[in-house]
Amino acid sequence: MTRQTRADFEGLFEAQGRPKYCWCMAWRPLPGRREHVQHAELKRAMMALVEAGTPVGILAQIDGKTVGWCSVAPRQTYRKLTSQ
């Protein structure tokens, strides 16, 4: 996903029944506390990554329509999962 396909990503996540509750930020660094983070804050954080040119994942499209998403990015763009 890039700045050019941002609208496609937003459309997928904001559609009825889609994962707008997380914006695929569950394993990415967020400033401050993680509890009770509002959807709008998660979206802003994801869009800031996109605007900065940070790799965040890929969109799947069929006939020009966005139908899926996979969060695939360099390891350093995710938060630490263990203390090792």
PDB file of N, CA and C in Angstrom:
ATOM      1  N   MET A   1       0.831  -1.171   0.000  1.00  0.00           N
ATOM      2  CA  MET A   1       0.000   0.000   0.000  1.00  0.00           C
ATOM      3  C   MET A   1       0.882   1.243   0.000  1.00  0.00           C
ATOM      4  N   THR A   2       0.474   2.246  -0.729  1.00  0.00           N
ATOM      5  CA  THR A   2       1.221   3.500  -0.839  1.00  0.00           C
ATOM      6  C   THR A   2       0.274   4.685  -0.659  1.00  0.00           C
ATOM      7  N   ARG A   3       0.849   5.864  -0.713  1.00  0.00           N
ATOM      8  CA  ARG A   3       0.012   7.068  -0.647  1.00  0.00           C
ATOM      9  C   ARG A   3      -1.037   7.056  -1.760  1.00  0.00           C
ATOM     10  N   GLN A   4      -0.653   6.523  -2.926  1.00  0.00           N
ATOM     11  CA  GLN A   4      -1.556   6.509  -4.072  1.00  0.00           C
ATOM     12  C   GLN A   4      -2.751   5.564  -3.865  1.00  0.00           C
ATOM     13  N   THR A   5      -2.592   4.526  -3.053  1.00  0.00           N
ATOM     14  CA  THR A   5      -3.682   3.571  -2.832  1.00  0.00           C
ATOM     15  C   THR A   5      -4.317   3.732  -1.451  1.00  0.00           C
ATOM     16  N   ARG A   6      -3.978   4.808  -0.785  1.00  0.00           N
ATOM     17  CA  ARG A   6      -4.512   5.073   0.556  1.00  0.00           C
ATOM     18  C   ARG A   6      -6.044   5.065   0.576  1.00  0.00           C
ATOM     19  N   ALA A   7      -6.674   5.691  -0.397  1.00  0.00           N
ATOM     20  CA  ALA A   7      -8.139   5.746  -0.435  1.00  0.00           C
ATOM     21  C   ALA A   7      -8.739   4.349  -0.555  1.00  0.00           C
ATOM     22  N   ASP A   8      -8.088   3.469  -1.307  1.00  0.00           N
ATOM     23  CA  ASP A   8      -8.568   2.095  -1.429  1.00  0.00           C
ATOM     24  C   ASP A   8      -8.499   1.384  -0.082  1.00  0.00           C
ATOM     25  N   PHE A   9      -7.407   1.588   0.626  1.00  0.00           N
ATOM     26  CA  PHE A   9      -7.231   0.987   1.959  1.00  0.00           C
ATOM     27  C   PHE A   9      -8.293   1.515   2.922  1.00  0.00           C
ATOM     28  N   GLU A  10      -8.479   2.825   2.938  1.00  0.00           N
ATOM     29  CA  GLU A  10      -9.485   3.423   3.821  1.00  0.00           C
ATOM     30  C   GLU A  10     -10.879   2.899   3.495  1.00  0.00           C
ATOM     31  N   GLY A  11     -11.186   2.784   2.218  1.00  0.00           N
ATOM     32  CA  GLY A  11     -12.492   2.276   1.807  1.00  0.00           C
ATOM     33  C   GLY A  11     -12.717   0.854   2.286  1.00  0.00           C
ATOM     34  N   LEU A  12     -11.684   0.033   2.207  1.00  0.00           N
ATOM     35  CA  LEU A  12     -11.789  -1.353   2.672  1.00  0.00           C
ATOM     36  C   LEU A  12     -12.034  -1.400   4.175  1.00  0.00           C
ATOM     37  N   PHE A  13     -11.264  -0.639   4.932  1.00  0.00           N
ATOM     38  CA  PHE A  13     -11.375  -0.676   6.388  1.00  0.00           C
ATOM     39  C   PHE A  13     -12.623   0.019   6.924  1.00  0.00           C
ATOM     40  N   GLU A  14     -13.176   0.953   6.174  1.00  0.00           N
ATOM     41  CA  GLU A  14     -14.354   1.680   6.636  1.00  0.00           C
ATOM     42  C   GLU A  14     -15.669   1.072   6.148  1.00  0.00           C
ATOM     43  N   ALA A  15     -15.601   0.070   5.280  1.00  0.00           N
ATOM     44  CA  ALA A  15     -16.817  -0.566   4.765  1.00  0.00           C
ATOM     45  C   ALA A  15     -17.553  -1.302   5.882  1.00  0.00           C
ATOM     46  N   GLN A  16     -18.830  -1.498   5.689  1.00  0.00           N
ATOM     47  CA  GLN A  16     -19.673  -2.213   6.653  1.00  0.00           C
ATOM     48  C   GLN A  16     -19.063  -3.577   6.989  1.00  0.00           C
ATOM     49  N   GLY A  17     -18.916  -3.841   8.287  1.00  0.00           N
ATOM     50  CA  GLY A  17     -18.412  -5.128   8.749  1.00  0.00           C
ATOM     51  C   GLY A  17     -16.914  -5.325   8.615  1.00  0.00           C
ATOM     52  N   ARG A  18     -16.188  -4.285   8.318  1.00  0.00           N
ATOM     53  CA  ARG A  18     -14.738  -4.395   8.110  1.00  0.00           C
ATOM     54  C   ARG A  18     -13.973  -4.093   9.406  1.00  0.00           C
ATOM     55  N   PRO A  19     -12.659  -4.310   9.395  1.00  0.00           N
ATOM     56  CA  PRO A  19     -11.853  -4.208  10.629  1.00  0.00           C
ATOM     57  C   PRO A  19     -11.451  -2.797  11.038  1.00  0.00           C
ATOM     58  N   LYS A  20     -12.358  -1.835  10.979  1.00  0.00           N
ATOM     59  CA  LYS A  20     -11.987  -0.470  11.356  1.00  0.00           C
ATOM     60  C   LYS A  20     -11.692  -0.337  12.844  1.00  0.00           C
ATOM     61  N   TYR A  21     -12.035  -1.369  13.624  1.00  0.00           N
ATOM     62  CA  TYR A  21     -11.742  -1.336  15.057  1.00  0.00           C
ATOM     63  C   TYR A  21     -10.250  -1.381  15.341  1.00  0.00           C
ATOM     64  N   CYS A  22      -9.448  -1.884  14.406  1.00  0.00           N
ATOM     65  CA  CYS A  22      -8.014  -2.018  14.702  1.00  0.00           C
ATOM     66  C   CYS A  22      -7.094  -1.269  13.735  1.00  0.00           C
ATOM     67  N   TRP A  23      -7.537  -1.066  12.509  1.00  0.00           N
ATOM     68  CA  TRP A  23      -6.699  -0.437  11.483  1.00  0.00           C
ATOM     69  C   TRP A  23      -5.329  -1.106  11.376  1.00  0.00           C
ATOM     70  N   CYS A  24      -5.251  -2.382  11.721  1.00  0.00           N
ATOM     71  CA  CYS A  24      -4.016  -3.176  11.654  1.00  0.00           C
ATOM     72  C   CYS A  24      -2.877  -2.529  12.445  1.00  0.00           C
ATOM     73  N   MET A  25      -3.230  -1.956  13.584  1.00  0.00           N
ATOM     74  CA  MET A  25      -2.235  -1.319  14.441  1.00  0.00           C
ATOM     75  C   MET A  25      -1.949  -2.135  15.706  1.00  0.00           C
ATOM     76  N   ALA A  26      -2.535  -3.321  15.832  1.00  0.00           N
ATOM     77  CA  ALA A  26      -2.376  -4.120  17.058  1.00  0.00           C
ATOM     78  C   ALA A  26      -0.911  -4.422  17.375  1.00  0.00           C
ATOM     79  N   TRP A  27      -0.089  -4.653  16.376  1.00  0.00           N
ATOM     80  CA  TRP A  27       1.310  -5.019  16.614  1.00  0.00           C
ATOM     81  C   TRP A  27       2.283  -3.934  16.168  1.00  0.00           C
ATOM     82  N   ARG A  28       1.777  -2.748  15.940  1.00  0.00           N
ATOM     83  CA  ARG A  28       2.646  -1.625  15.555  1.00  0.00           C
ATOM     84  C   ARG A  28       2.772  -0.674  16.740  1.00  0.00           C
ATOM     85  N   PRO A  29       3.887   0.031  16.819  1.00  0.00           N
ATOM     86  CA  PRO A  29       4.077   0.961  17.943  1.00  0.00           C
ATOM     87  C   PRO A  29       3.051   2.094  17.933  1.00  0.00           C
ATOM     88  N   LEU A  30       2.555   2.407  19.117  1.00  0.00           N
ATOM     89  CA  LEU A  30       1.662   3.552  19.320  1.00  0.00           C
ATOM     90  C   LEU A  30       2.221   4.383  20.463  1.00  0.00           C
ATOM     91  N   PRO A  31       2.141   5.698  20.362  1.00  0.00           N
ATOM     92  CA  PRO A  31       2.590   6.514  21.485  1.00  0.00           C
ATOM     93  C   PRO A  31       1.627   6.380  22.663  1.00  0.00           C
ATOM     94  N   GLY A  32       2.156   6.349  23.862  1.00  0.00           N
ATOM     95  CA  GLY A  32       1.310   6.304  25.057  1.00  0.00           C
ATOM     96  C   GLY A  32       0.708   4.943  25.322  1.00  0.00           C
ATOM     97  N   ARG A  33      -0.419   4.947  26.032  1.00  0.00           N
ATOM     98  CA  ARG A  33      -1.084   3.713  26.430  1.00  0.00           C
ATOM     99  C   ARG A  33      -1.826   3.073  25.262  1.00  0.00           C
ATOM    100  N   ARG A  34      -1.947   1.756  25.298  1.00  0.00           N
ATOM    101  CA  ARG A  34      -2.640   1.021  24.242  1.00  0.00           C
ATOM    102  C   ARG A  34      -4.100   0.751  24.596  1.00  0.00           C
ATOM    103  N   GLU A  35      -4.453   0.844  25.869  1.00  0.00           N
ATOM    104  CA  GLU A  35      -5.819   0.547  26.270  1.00  0.00           C
ATOM    105  C   GLU A  35      -6.766   1.656  25.815  1.00  0.00           C
ATOM    106  N   HIS A  36      -7.915   1.270  25.379  1.00  0.00           N
ATOM    107  CA  HIS A  36      -9.002   2.197  25.036  1.00  0.00           C
ATOM    108  C   HIS A  36      -8.595   3.227  23.980  1.00  0.00           C
ATOM    109  N   VAL A  37      -7.801   2.817  23.020  1.00  0.00           N
ATOM    110  CA  VAL A  37      -7.432   3.711  21.924  1.00  0.00           C
ATOM    111  C   VAL A  37      -8.611   3.775  20.961  1.00  0.00           C
ATOM    112  N   GLN A  38      -9.024   4.971  20.630  1.00  0.00           N
ATOM    113  CA  GLN A  38     -10.166   5.179  19.746  1.00  0.00           C
ATOM    114  C   GLN A  38      -9.817   4.800  18.302  1.00  0.00           C
ATOM    115  N   HIS A  39     -10.833   4.383  17.541  1.00  0.00           N
ATOM    116  CA  HIS A  39     -10.636   3.993  16.147  1.00  0.00           C
ATOM    117  C   HIS A  39      -9.987   5.112  15.343  1.00  0.00           C
ATOM    118  N   ALA A  40     -10.421   6.331  15.573  1.00  0.00           N
ATOM    119  CA  ALA A  40      -9.883   7.468  14.824  1.00  0.00           C
ATOM    120  C   ALA A  40      -8.389   7.650  15.089  1.00  0.00           C
ATOM    121  N   GLU A  41      -7.957   7.394  16.321  1.00  0.00           N
ATOM    122  CA  GLU A  41      -6.535   7.510  16.647  1.00  0.00           C
ATOM    123  C   GLU A  41      -5.727   6.418  15.948  1.00  0.00           C
ATOM    124  N   LEU A  42      -6.283   5.211  15.883  1.00  0.00           N
ATOM    125  CA  LEU A  42      -5.607   4.116  15.186  1.00  0.00           C
ATOM    126  C   LEU A  42      -5.480   4.434  13.698  1.00  0.00           C
ATOM    127  N   LYS A  43      -6.542   4.962  13.124  1.00  0.00           N
ATOM    128  CA  LYS A  43      -6.508   5.337  11.710  1.00  0.00           C
ATOM    129  C   LYS A  43      -5.460   6.418  11.479  1.00  0.00           C
ATOM    130  N   ARG A  44      -5.436   7.444  12.329  1.00  0.00           N
ATOM    131  CA  ARG A  44      -4.433   8.511  12.180  1.00  0.00           C
ATOM    132  C   ARG A  44      -3.018   7.946  12.246  1.00  0.00           C
ATOM    133  N   ALA A  45      -2.781   7.010  13.170  1.00  0.00           N
ATOM    134  CA  ALA A  45      -1.452   6.417  13.314  1.00  0.00           C
ATOM    135  C   ALA A  45      -1.064   5.633  12.060  1.00  0.00           C
ATOM    136  N   MET A  46      -2.008   4.854  11.523  1.00  0.00           N
ATOM    137  CA  MET A  46      -1.718   4.093  10.300  1.00  0.00           C
ATOM    138  C   MET A  46      -1.479   5.020   9.126  1.00  0.00           C
ATOM    139  N   MET A  47      -2.298   6.033   8.982  1.00  0.00           N
ATOM    140  CA  MET A  47      -2.139   6.964   7.865  1.00  0.00           C
ATOM    141  C   MET A  47      -0.839   7.756   7.984  1.00  0.00           C
ATOM    142  N   ALA A  48      -0.384   8.031   9.191  1.00  0.00           N
ATOM    143  CA  ALA A  48       0.909   8.705   9.378  1.00  0.00           C
ATOM    144  C   ALA A  48       2.045   7.811   8.884  1.00  0.00           C
ATOM    145  N   LEU A  49       1.937   6.513   9.143  1.00  0.00           N
ATOM    146  CA  LEU A  49       2.948   5.583   8.628  1.00  0.00           C
ATOM    147  C   LEU A  49       2.959   5.597   7.099  1.00  0.00           C
ATOM    148  N   VAL A  50       1.779   5.561   6.511  1.00  0.00           N
ATOM    149  CA  VAL A  50       1.662   5.571   5.051  1.00  0.00           C
ATOM    150  C   VAL A  50       2.238   6.866   4.485  1.00  0.00           C
ATOM    151  N   GLU A  51       1.869   7.991   5.073  1.00  0.00           N
ATOM    152  CA  GLU A  51       2.368   9.287   4.593  1.00  0.00           C
ATOM    153  C   GLU A  51       3.882   9.396   4.719  1.00  0.00           C
ATOM    154  N   ALA A  52       4.450   8.724   5.719  1.00  0.00           N
ATOM    155  CA  ALA A  52       5.902   8.743   5.906  1.00  0.00           C
ATOM    156  C   ALA A  52       6.615   7.788   4.951  1.00  0.00           C
ATOM    157  N   GLY A  53       5.839   7.016   4.187  1.00  0.00           N
ATOM    158  CA  GLY A  53       6.442   6.068   3.249  1.00  0.00           C
ATOM    159  C   GLY A  53       6.861   4.755   3.899  1.00  0.00           C
ATOM    160  N   THR A  54       6.390   4.498   5.110  1.00  0.00           N
ATOM    161  CA  THR A  54       6.713   3.264   5.821  1.00  0.00           C
ATOM    162  C   THR A  54       5.938   2.104   5.207  1.00  0.00           C
ATOM    163  N   PRO A  55       6.591   1.003   4.860  1.00  0.00           N
ATOM    164  CA  PRO A  55       5.848  -0.156   4.346  1.00  0.00           C
ATOM    165  C   PRO A  55       4.901  -0.686   5.423  1.00  0.00           C
ATOM    166  N   VAL A  56       3.643  -0.916   5.052  1.00  0.00           N
ATOM    167  CA  VAL A  56       2.667  -1.427   6.018  1.00  0.00           C
ATOM    168  C   VAL A  56       1.944  -2.678   5.537  1.00  0.00           C
ATOM    169  N   GLY A  57       1.929  -2.941   4.245  1.00  0.00           N
ATOM    170  CA  GLY A  57       1.246  -4.127   3.756  1.00  0.00           C
ATOM    171  C   GLY A  57       0.862  -4.013   2.299  1.00  0.00           C
ATOM    172  N   ILE A  58       0.043  -4.990   1.868  1.00  0.00           N
ATOM    173  CA  ILE A  58      -0.384  -5.022   0.471  1.00  0.00           C
ATOM    174  C   ILE A  58      -1.905  -5.121   0.393  1.00  0.00           C
ATOM    175  N   LEU A  59      -2.442  -4.549  -0.669  1.00  0.00           N
ATOM    176  CA  LEU A  59      -3.877  -4.620  -0.939  1.00  0.00           C
ATOM    177  C   LEU A  59      -4.110  -5.657  -2.029  1.00  0.00           C
ATOM    178  N   ALA A  60      -5.215  -6.369  -1.930  1.00  0.00           N
ATOM    179  CA  ALA A  60      -5.631  -7.294  -2.980  1.00  0.00           C
ATOM    180  C   ALA A  60      -6.785  -6.651  -3.740  1.00  0.00           C
ATOM    181  N   GLN A  61      -6.683  -6.673  -5.060  1.00  0.00           N
ATOM    182  CA  GLN A  61      -7.739  -6.074  -5.868  1.00  0.00           C
ATOM    183  C   GLN A  61      -8.169  -7.033  -6.972  1.00  0.00           C
ATOM    184  N   ILE A  62      -9.466  -6.995  -7.270  1.00  0.00           N
ATOM    185  CA  ILE A  62     -10.035  -7.747  -8.379  1.00  0.00           C
ATOM    186  C   ILE A  62     -10.819  -6.764  -9.225  1.00  0.00           C
ATOM    187  N   ASP A  63     -10.472  -6.707 -10.495  1.00  0.00           N
ATOM    188  CA  ASP A  63     -11.157  -5.790 -11.421  1.00  0.00           C
ATOM    189  C   ASP A  63     -11.214  -4.368 -10.885  1.00  0.00           C
ATOM    190  N   GLY A  64     -10.123  -3.906 -10.261  1.00  0.00           N
ATOM    191  CA  GLY A  64     -10.042  -2.537  -9.761  1.00  0.00           C
ATOM    192  C   GLY A  64     -10.725  -2.299  -8.431  1.00  0.00           C
ATOM    193  N   LYS A  65     -11.334  -3.325  -7.849  1.00  0.00           N
ATOM    194  CA  LYS A  65     -12.003  -3.184  -6.554  1.00  0.00           C
ATOM    195  C   LYS A  65     -11.140  -3.828  -5.472  1.00  0.00           C
ATOM    196  N   THR A  66     -10.924  -3.097  -4.378  1.00  0.00           N
ATOM    197  CA  THR A  66     -10.125  -3.620  -3.271  1.00  0.00           C
ATOM    198  C   THR A  66     -10.960  -4.631  -2.499  1.00  0.00           C
ATOM    199  N   VAL A  67     -10.429  -5.848  -2.393  1.00  0.00           N
ATOM    200  CA  VAL A  67     -11.172  -6.942  -1.758  1.00  0.00           C
ATOM    201  C   VAL A  67     -10.449  -7.556  -0.565  1.00  0.00           C
ATOM    202  N   GLY A  68      -9.200  -7.152  -0.331  1.00  0.00           N
ATOM    203  CA  GLY A  68      -8.467  -7.747   0.779  1.00  0.00           C
ATOM    204  C   GLY A  68      -7.230  -6.967   1.142  1.00  0.00           C
ATOM    205  N   TRP A  69      -6.608  -7.407   2.240  1.00  0.00           N
ATOM    206  CA  TRP A  69      -5.460  -6.711   2.811  1.00  0.00           C
ATOM    207  C   TRP A  69      -4.584  -7.716   3.541  1.00  0.00           C
ATOM    208  N   CYS A  70      -3.289  -7.531   3.476  1.00  0.00           N
ATOM    209  CA  CYS A  70      -2.355  -8.348   4.257  1.00  0.00           C
ATOM    210  C   CYS A  70      -1.295  -7.420   4.837  1.00  0.00           C
ATOM    211  N   SER A  71      -1.156  -7.459   6.145  1.00  0.00           N
ATOM    212  CA  SER A  71      -0.164  -6.639   6.826  1.00  0.00           C
ATOM    213  C   SER A  71       1.193  -7.331   6.712  1.00  0.00           C
ATOM    214  N   VAL A  72       2.005  -6.866   5.771  1.00  0.00           N
ATOM    215  CA  VAL A  72       3.333  -7.410   5.533  1.00  0.00           C
ATOM    216  C   VAL A  72       4.298  -6.236   5.501  1.00  0.00           C
ATOM    217  N   ALA A  73       5.254  -6.231   6.419  1.00  0.00           N
ATOM    218  CA  ALA A  73       6.167  -5.094   6.506  1.00  0.00           C
ATOM    219  C   ALA A  73       7.470  -5.542   7.159  1.00  0.00           C
ATOM    220  N   PRO A  74       8.510  -4.739   7.047  1.00  0.00           N
ATOM    221  CA  PRO A  74       9.771  -5.071   7.708  1.00  0.00           C
ATOM    222  C   PRO A  74       9.585  -5.229   9.223  1.00  0.00           C
ATOM    223  N   ARG A  75      10.311  -6.134   9.821  1.00  0.00           N
ATOM    224  CA  ARG A  75      10.186  -6.446  11.242  1.00  0.00           C
ATOM    225  C   ARG A  75      10.311  -5.200  12.122  1.00  0.00           C
ATOM    226  N   GLN A  76      11.194  -4.292  11.784  1.00  0.00           N
ATOM    227  CA  GLN A  76      11.416  -3.118  12.626  1.00  0.00           C
ATOM    228  C   GLN A  76      10.220  -2.176  12.671  1.00  0.00           C
ATOM    229  N   THR A  77       9.235  -2.367  11.790  1.00  0.00           N
ATOM    230  CA  THR A  77       8.044  -1.519  11.836  1.00  0.00           C
ATOM    231  C   THR A  77       7.003  -2.042  12.825  1.00  0.00           C
ATOM    232  N   TYR A  78       7.258  -3.201  13.419  1.00  0.00           N
ATOM    233  CA  TYR A  78       6.365  -3.777  14.425  1.00  0.00           C
ATOM    234  C   TYR A  78       6.986  -3.603  15.801  1.00  0.00           C
ATOM    235  N   ARG A  79       6.142  -3.573  16.839  1.00  0.00           N
ATOM    236  CA  ARG A  79       6.673  -3.463  18.183  1.00  0.00           C
ATOM    237  C   ARG A  79       7.253  -4.806  18.625  1.00  0.00           C
ATOM    238  N   LYS A  80       8.104  -4.770  19.642  1.00  0.00           N
ATOM    239  CA  LYS A  80       8.701  -5.996  20.162  1.00  0.00           C
ATOM    240  C   LYS A  80       7.624  -6.887  20.748  1.00  0.00           C
ATOM    241  N   LEU A  81       7.719  -8.167  20.460  1.00  0.00           N
ATOM    242  CA  LEU A  81       6.755  -9.122  20.979  1.00  0.00           C
ATOM    243  C   LEU A  81       7.275  -9.834  22.225  1.00  0.00           C
ATOM    244  N   THR A  82       8.582  -9.811  22.418  1.00  0.00           N
ATOM    245  CA  THR A  82       9.190 -10.426  23.588  1.00  0.00           C
ATOM    246  C   THR A  82      10.279  -9.498  24.106  1.00  0.00           C
ATOM    247  N   SER A  83      10.795  -9.828  25.277  1.00  0.00           N
ATOM    248  CA  SER A  83      11.868  -9.015  25.844  1.00  0.00           C
ATOM    249  C   SER A  83      13.244  -9.447  25.354  1.00  0.00           C
ATOM    250  N   GLN A  84      13.318 -10.457  24.510  1.00  0.00           N
ATOM    251  CA  GLN A  84      14.614 -10.950  24.013  1.00  0.00           C
ATOM    252  C   GLN A  84      15.112 -10.120  22.880  1.00  0.00           C
TER     253      GLN A  84
END
